[in-house]
Amino acid sequence: MAATETGADALDRARELLDPEHAETARRAGPGPGYLDLIEEDLPSTGPTQDLMLTSVVPRVYSNYWRPALGRVAKGVTGPGMDEEIRIARLLMGLSPGDVVLDVACGPGNFSREFAHAVGDSGLVVGIDASRTMLERGSADLERSPLANLALVRGNAVELPFRDSTFDGVCCFAALHLFDEPLSALGEMARVLAPGGRIALMTSVRRRLTLPPLKPLIERASGMRVFEADEIVTALRMRGFREIHQRLSGMVQFVGGRLAGP
């Protein structure tokens, strides 16, 4: 089956996961298999870093240059590379064939595509991002891919458009610190996870070597929030997550947990 046709099937499957309001208004956009667009107007930016994600330049260099370079600076020279990040995300979510996975702030979908391979044809991966240019690049890449189980959605990560208890796994790597309401976004990720579902996060962290006076300066200059060492772990516990694991690497933390049952 051609990539465009399989992509359309994946979009239809993703539309079924939307809440009724968004399912009615979702419109297909973009090149190739396209994506479901749920945003009428661009969302307000949180600062310079997010502004760059909305340009047409960054999506072209994101996967091979931009994201690996920034990640290396944040994680340090001994921190995990991109392939290892993907492995960590898959392990934290415990992916298996048939799983339904949400990749929050998916960018052009480089992680989403790897998750799609892991869950197989019986599973489904939905990548959501607010950047039109990122999703257009992701859709163009998907057109050249044989994957039939990956759908891209343009939507708001702080107000996820999906029904409750929809996904077996949720991933949000290198983006939570850019959201205007990151803890609200965590609550939304918990809401759309099924009981027993797992979350995988990679975001900022303030280490002891980072002087407290620098924290507000960094946040204002970059538009990125720098979380305290226990802030994300505590937020997950408050939202019903158990079996929480945290790994620190430079100014980055990897955190995973399982949502408790009813």
Protein backbone atom coordinates (compact mmCIF):
# COMPACT_ATOMS: atom_id res chain seq x y z
CA MET A 1 0.00 0.00 0.00
CA ALA A 2 1.34 3.47 -0.86
CA ALA A 3 2.59 5.67 1.96
CA THR A 4 -0.12 8.27 1.36
CA GLU A 5 -2.84 5.65 1.65
CA THR A 6 -1.39 4.06 4.79
CA GLY A 7 -0.91 7.51 6.31
CA ALA A 8 -4.57 8.28 5.66
CA ASP A 9 -5.53 5.09 7.50
CA ALA A 10 -3.40 6.12 10.47
CA LEU A 11 -5.03 9.56 10.47
CA ASP A 12 -8.46 7.91 10.56
CA ARG A 13 -7.36 5.79 13.52
CA ALA A 14 -6.01 8.86 15.28
CA ARG A 15 -9.23 10.78 14.66
CA GLU A 16 -11.10 8.08 16.60
CA LEU A 17 -8.97 8.88 19.66
CA LEU A 18 -9.91 12.56 19.66
CA ASP A 19 -12.59 13.91 21.97
CA PRO A 20 -15.88 14.62 20.15
CA GLU A 21 -15.29 18.38 19.82
CA HIS A 22 -11.89 18.01 18.16
CA ALA A 23 -12.93 15.02 16.07
CA GLU A 24 -15.52 17.20 14.35
CA THR A 25 -13.20 20.13 13.66
CA ALA A 26 -9.99 18.25 12.74
CA ARG A 27 -8.93 18.97 9.18
CA ARG A 28 -6.25 17.32 7.11
CA ALA A 29 -3.31 19.49 6.09
CA GLY A 30 0.27 19.25 4.89
CA PRO A 31 2.14 17.36 2.16
CA GLY A 32 2.15 13.62 1.59
CA PRO A 33 0.03 11.71 4.10
CA GLY A 34 -0.47 15.02 5.92
CA TYR A 35 -1.52 15.63 9.51
CA LEU A 36 -4.67 16.50 11.44
CA ASP A 37 -4.72 20.24 12.18
CA LEU A 38 -6.64 21.28 15.31
CA ILE A 39 -5.24 24.81 15.75
CA GLU A 40 -7.04 27.77 14.22
CA GLU A 41 -4.39 30.33 15.23
CA ASP A 42 -0.76 29.89 16.30
CA LEU A 43 -0.33 29.42 20.04
CA PRO A 44 1.52 32.14 22.02
CA SER A 45 5.28 31.56 22.19
CA THR A 46 7.08 31.11 25.51
CA GLY A 47 10.31 32.67 24.25
CA PRO A 48 13.17 32.65 21.73
CA THR A 49 13.77 28.90 21.83
CA GLN A 50 10.19 28.09 20.95
CA ASP A 51 10.16 30.82 18.30
CA LEU A 52 12.95 29.00 16.47
CA MET A 53 10.91 25.79 16.41
CA LEU A 54 8.23 27.59 14.42
CA THR A 55 10.57 28.69 11.65
CA SER A 56 11.14 26.82 8.40
CA VAL A 57 14.91 26.56 8.99
CA VAL A 58 15.06 24.50 12.20
CA PRO A 59 12.85 21.62 10.95
CA ARG A 60 15.27 21.06 8.06
CA VAL A 61 18.25 20.60 10.39
CA TYR A 62 16.46 19.41 13.53
CA SER A 63 17.07 15.66 13.42
CA ASN A 64 20.68 15.62 12.20
CA TYR A 65 22.15 18.80 13.68
CA TRP A 66 19.96 21.01 15.89
CA ARG A 67 18.55 18.49 18.36
CA PRO A 68 21.74 16.38 18.75
CA ALA A 69 23.91 19.47 19.26
CA LEU A 70 21.66 21.07 21.87
CA GLY A 71 21.24 17.73 23.60
CA ARG A 72 24.98 17.22 23.80
CA VAL A 73 25.48 20.64 25.41
CA ALA A 74 22.73 19.99 27.97
CA LYS A 75 23.64 16.37 28.75
CA GLY A 76 27.41 16.78 28.77
CA VAL A 77 30.01 14.84 26.80
CA THR A 78 29.31 11.62 28.72
CA GLY A 79 25.54 11.85 28.40
CA PRO A 80 23.47 9.56 26.17
CA GLY A 81 23.31 10.23 22.44
CA MET A 82 20.15 10.33 20.33
CA ASP A 83 20.01 6.57 19.75
CA GLU A 84 20.38 5.98 23.48
CA GLU A 85 17.65 8.56 24.19
CA ILE A 86 15.26 6.61 21.98
CA ARG A 87 16.20 3.38 23.78
CA ILE A 88 15.60 5.06 27.17
CA ALA A 89 12.19 6.33 26.05
CA ARG A 90 11.17 2.88 24.79
CA LEU A 91 12.31 1.22 28.02
CA LEU A 92 10.56 3.77 30.25
CA MET A 93 7.31 3.18 28.36
CA GLY A 94 7.85 -0.59 28.14
CA LEU A 95 6.66 -0.62 24.53
CA SER A 96 5.32 -3.83 23.04
CA PRO A 97 3.38 -4.75 19.87
CA GLY A 98 -0.17 -3.44 19.86
CA ASP A 99 0.47 -0.47 22.16
CA VAL A 100 -1.09 2.92 21.45
CA VAL A 101 1.48 5.66 22.09
CA LEU A 102 1.39 9.47 22.22
CA ASP A 103 4.57 11.41 21.41
CA VAL A 104 4.08 14.92 22.81
CA ALA A 105 5.98 17.74 21.08
CA CYS A 106 7.08 15.21 18.47
CA GLY A 107 8.80 17.74 16.17
CA PRO A 108 9.33 16.12 12.76
CA GLY A 109 8.66 12.70 14.28
CA ASN A 110 12.10 11.12 14.57
CA PHE A 111 11.20 9.46 17.90
CA SER A 112 7.63 8.75 16.72
CA ARG A 113 8.90 6.69 13.81
CA GLU A 114 11.04 4.53 16.10
CA PHE A 115 8.08 3.98 18.43
CA ALA A 116 5.97 2.97 15.42
CA HIS A 117 8.46 0.22 14.58
CA ALA A 118 8.28 -1.01 18.19
CA VAL A 119 4.47 -1.25 18.42
CA GLY A 120 3.99 -2.87 15.02
CA ASP A 121 1.07 -2.72 12.63
CA SER A 122 -1.42 -3.63 15.37
CA GLY A 123 -0.31 -0.62 17.41
CA LEU A 124 -0.55 3.09 16.72
CA VAL A 125 1.68 6.08 17.40
CA VAL A 126 0.28 9.62 17.44
CA GLY A 127 2.75 12.50 17.35
CA ILE A 128 1.41 15.89 18.43
CA ASP A 129 3.15 19.23 17.98
CA ALA A 130 2.12 22.89 17.69
CA SER A 131 4.59 23.73 14.92
CA ARG A 132 3.19 23.61 11.39
CA THR A 133 6.69 23.60 9.87
CA MET A 134 7.83 20.67 12.03
CA LEU A 135 4.79 18.60 11.06
CA GLU A 136 5.15 19.45 7.38
CA ARG A 137 8.70 18.13 7.52
CA GLY A 138 7.51 15.08 9.45
CA SER A 139 4.76 14.39 6.92
CA ALA A 140 7.23 14.67 4.04
CA ASP A 141 9.54 12.19 5.81
CA LEU A 142 6.60 9.86 6.48
CA GLU A 143 5.71 9.85 2.78
CA ARG A 144 9.07 8.17 2.13
CA SER A 145 8.47 5.62 4.90
CA PRO A 146 6.62 2.29 4.77
CA LEU A 147 5.07 2.94 8.19
CA ALA A 148 1.29 2.53 8.28
CA ASN A 149 0.77 3.12 12.01
CA LEU A 150 1.95 6.69 12.61
CA ALA A 151 -0.30 9.76 12.56
CA LEU A 152 0.73 13.38 13.13
CA VAL A 153 -1.51 15.95 14.83
CA ARG A 154 -1.13 19.70 15.20
CA GLY A 155 -2.51 20.56 18.61
CA ASN A 156 -1.92 22.01 22.06
CA ALA A 157 0.11 19.84 24.44
CA VAL A 158 -1.19 21.73 27.48
CA GLU A 159 -4.79 20.96 26.45
CA LEU A 160 -4.52 17.57 24.78
CA PRO A 161 -7.41 16.93 22.35
CA PHE A 162 -7.76 13.22 23.16
CA ARG A 163 -10.28 11.22 25.15
CA ASP A 164 -9.49 10.04 28.69
CA SER A 165 -7.51 6.81 29.22
CA THR A 166 -6.66 6.46 25.53
CA PHE A 167 -2.93 5.65 25.42
CA ASP A 168 -0.71 2.87 26.78
CA GLY A 169 2.36 5.12 26.74
CA VAL A 170 3.11 8.85 26.60
CA CYS A 171 6.51 10.34 25.74
CA CYS A 172 7.63 13.95 26.01
CA PHE A 173 11.34 14.40 25.35
CA ALA A 174 13.15 17.76 25.28
CA ALA A 175 10.00 19.88 25.35
CA LEU A 176 8.26 20.05 28.75
CA HIS A 177 10.48 22.95 29.86
CA LEU A 178 9.25 24.98 26.86
CA PHE A 179 5.55 24.77 27.74
CA ASP A 180 3.82 27.78 29.27
CA GLU A 181 2.08 25.51 31.82
CA PRO A 182 4.30 22.41 32.12
CA LEU A 183 2.64 20.97 35.23
CA SER A 184 -0.77 21.33 33.61
CA ALA A 185 0.67 19.45 30.63
CA LEU A 186 1.72 16.64 32.98
CA GLY A 187 -1.84 16.48 34.25
CA GLU A 188 -3.09 16.19 30.68
CA MET A 189 -0.64 13.39 29.94
CA ALA A 190 -1.89 11.54 33.03
CA ARG A 191 -5.50 12.07 31.93
CA VAL A 192 -5.03 10.48 28.50
CA LEU A 193 -3.03 7.53 29.85
CA ALA A 194 -4.89 4.31 30.57
CA PRO A 195 -4.50 2.85 34.10
CA GLY A 196 -1.16 1.09 34.19
CA GLY A 197 0.12 3.21 31.30
CA ARG A 198 3.66 4.54 31.40
CA ILE A 199 5.17 7.97 30.87
CA ALA A 200 8.66 8.87 29.61
CA LEU A 201 10.05 12.37 30.09
CA MET A 202 13.29 14.13 29.28
CA THR A 203 13.52 17.70 30.48
CA SER A 204 15.69 20.26 32.24
CA VAL A 205 16.99 20.01 35.80
CA ARG A 206 18.95 22.34 38.05
CA ARG A 207 21.99 20.64 39.51
CA ARG A 208 23.74 21.74 42.70
CA LEU A 209 26.53 23.32 40.66
CA THR A 210 24.04 25.69 39.04
CA LEU A 211 23.89 28.82 41.20
CA PRO A 212 20.32 29.72 42.27
CA PRO A 213 20.63 33.37 41.10
CA LEU A 214 21.27 32.18 37.53
CA LYS A 215 18.02 30.22 37.30
CA PRO A 216 15.63 33.15 36.65
CA LEU A 217 18.14 34.74 34.26
CA ILE A 218 18.37 31.56 32.19
CA GLU A 219 14.61 31.14 32.15
CA ARG A 220 13.91 34.71 31.06
CA ALA A 221 16.60 34.74 28.38
CA SER A 222 15.68 31.41 26.80
CA GLY A 223 12.00 30.95 27.57
CA MET A 224 12.93 27.56 29.05
CA ARG A 225 12.00 26.51 32.57
CA VAL A 226 14.71 24.91 34.70
CA PHE A 227 13.10 22.39 37.06
CA GLU A 228 14.35 21.64 40.54
CA ALA A 229 15.76 18.14 41.06
CA ASP A 230 12.65 16.78 42.79
CA GLU A 231 10.00 18.90 41.05
CA ILE A 232 9.00 16.52 38.25
CA VAL A 233 9.13 13.41 40.44
CA THR A 234 6.89 15.08 43.02
CA ALA A 235 4.48 16.28 40.30
CA LEU A 236 4.17 12.74 38.92
CA ARG A 237 3.47 11.26 42.35
CA MET A 238 0.74 13.86 42.91
CA ARG A 239 -0.86 12.81 39.62
CA GLY A 240 -1.05 9.14 40.51
CA PHE A 241 2.20 7.75 39.11
CA ARG A 242 4.12 4.97 40.85
CA GLU A 243 7.37 3.09 40.17
CA ILE A 244 9.01 6.41 39.30
CA HIS A 245 12.58 6.33 38.02
CA GLN A 246 14.85 9.36 37.55
CA ARG A 247 18.25 9.60 35.87
CA LEU A 248 20.28 12.83 35.81
CA SER A 249 22.76 13.69 33.06
CA GLY A 250 24.26 17.18 33.02
CA MET A 251 21.38 19.66 33.06
CA VAL A 252 18.92 17.02 31.84
CA GLN A 253 16.75 14.49 33.63
CA PHE A 254 15.08 11.33 32.32
CA VAL A 255 12.00 10.40 34.32
CA GLY A 256 9.53 7.55 33.91
CA GLY A 257 6.64 6.13 35.90
CA ARG A 258 3.53 3.97 35.75
CA LEU A 259 0.05 5.39 36.27
CA ALA A 260 -1.71 3.59 39.11
CA GLY A 261 -4.91 1.69 38.38
CA PRO A 262 -8.40 2.83 39.41
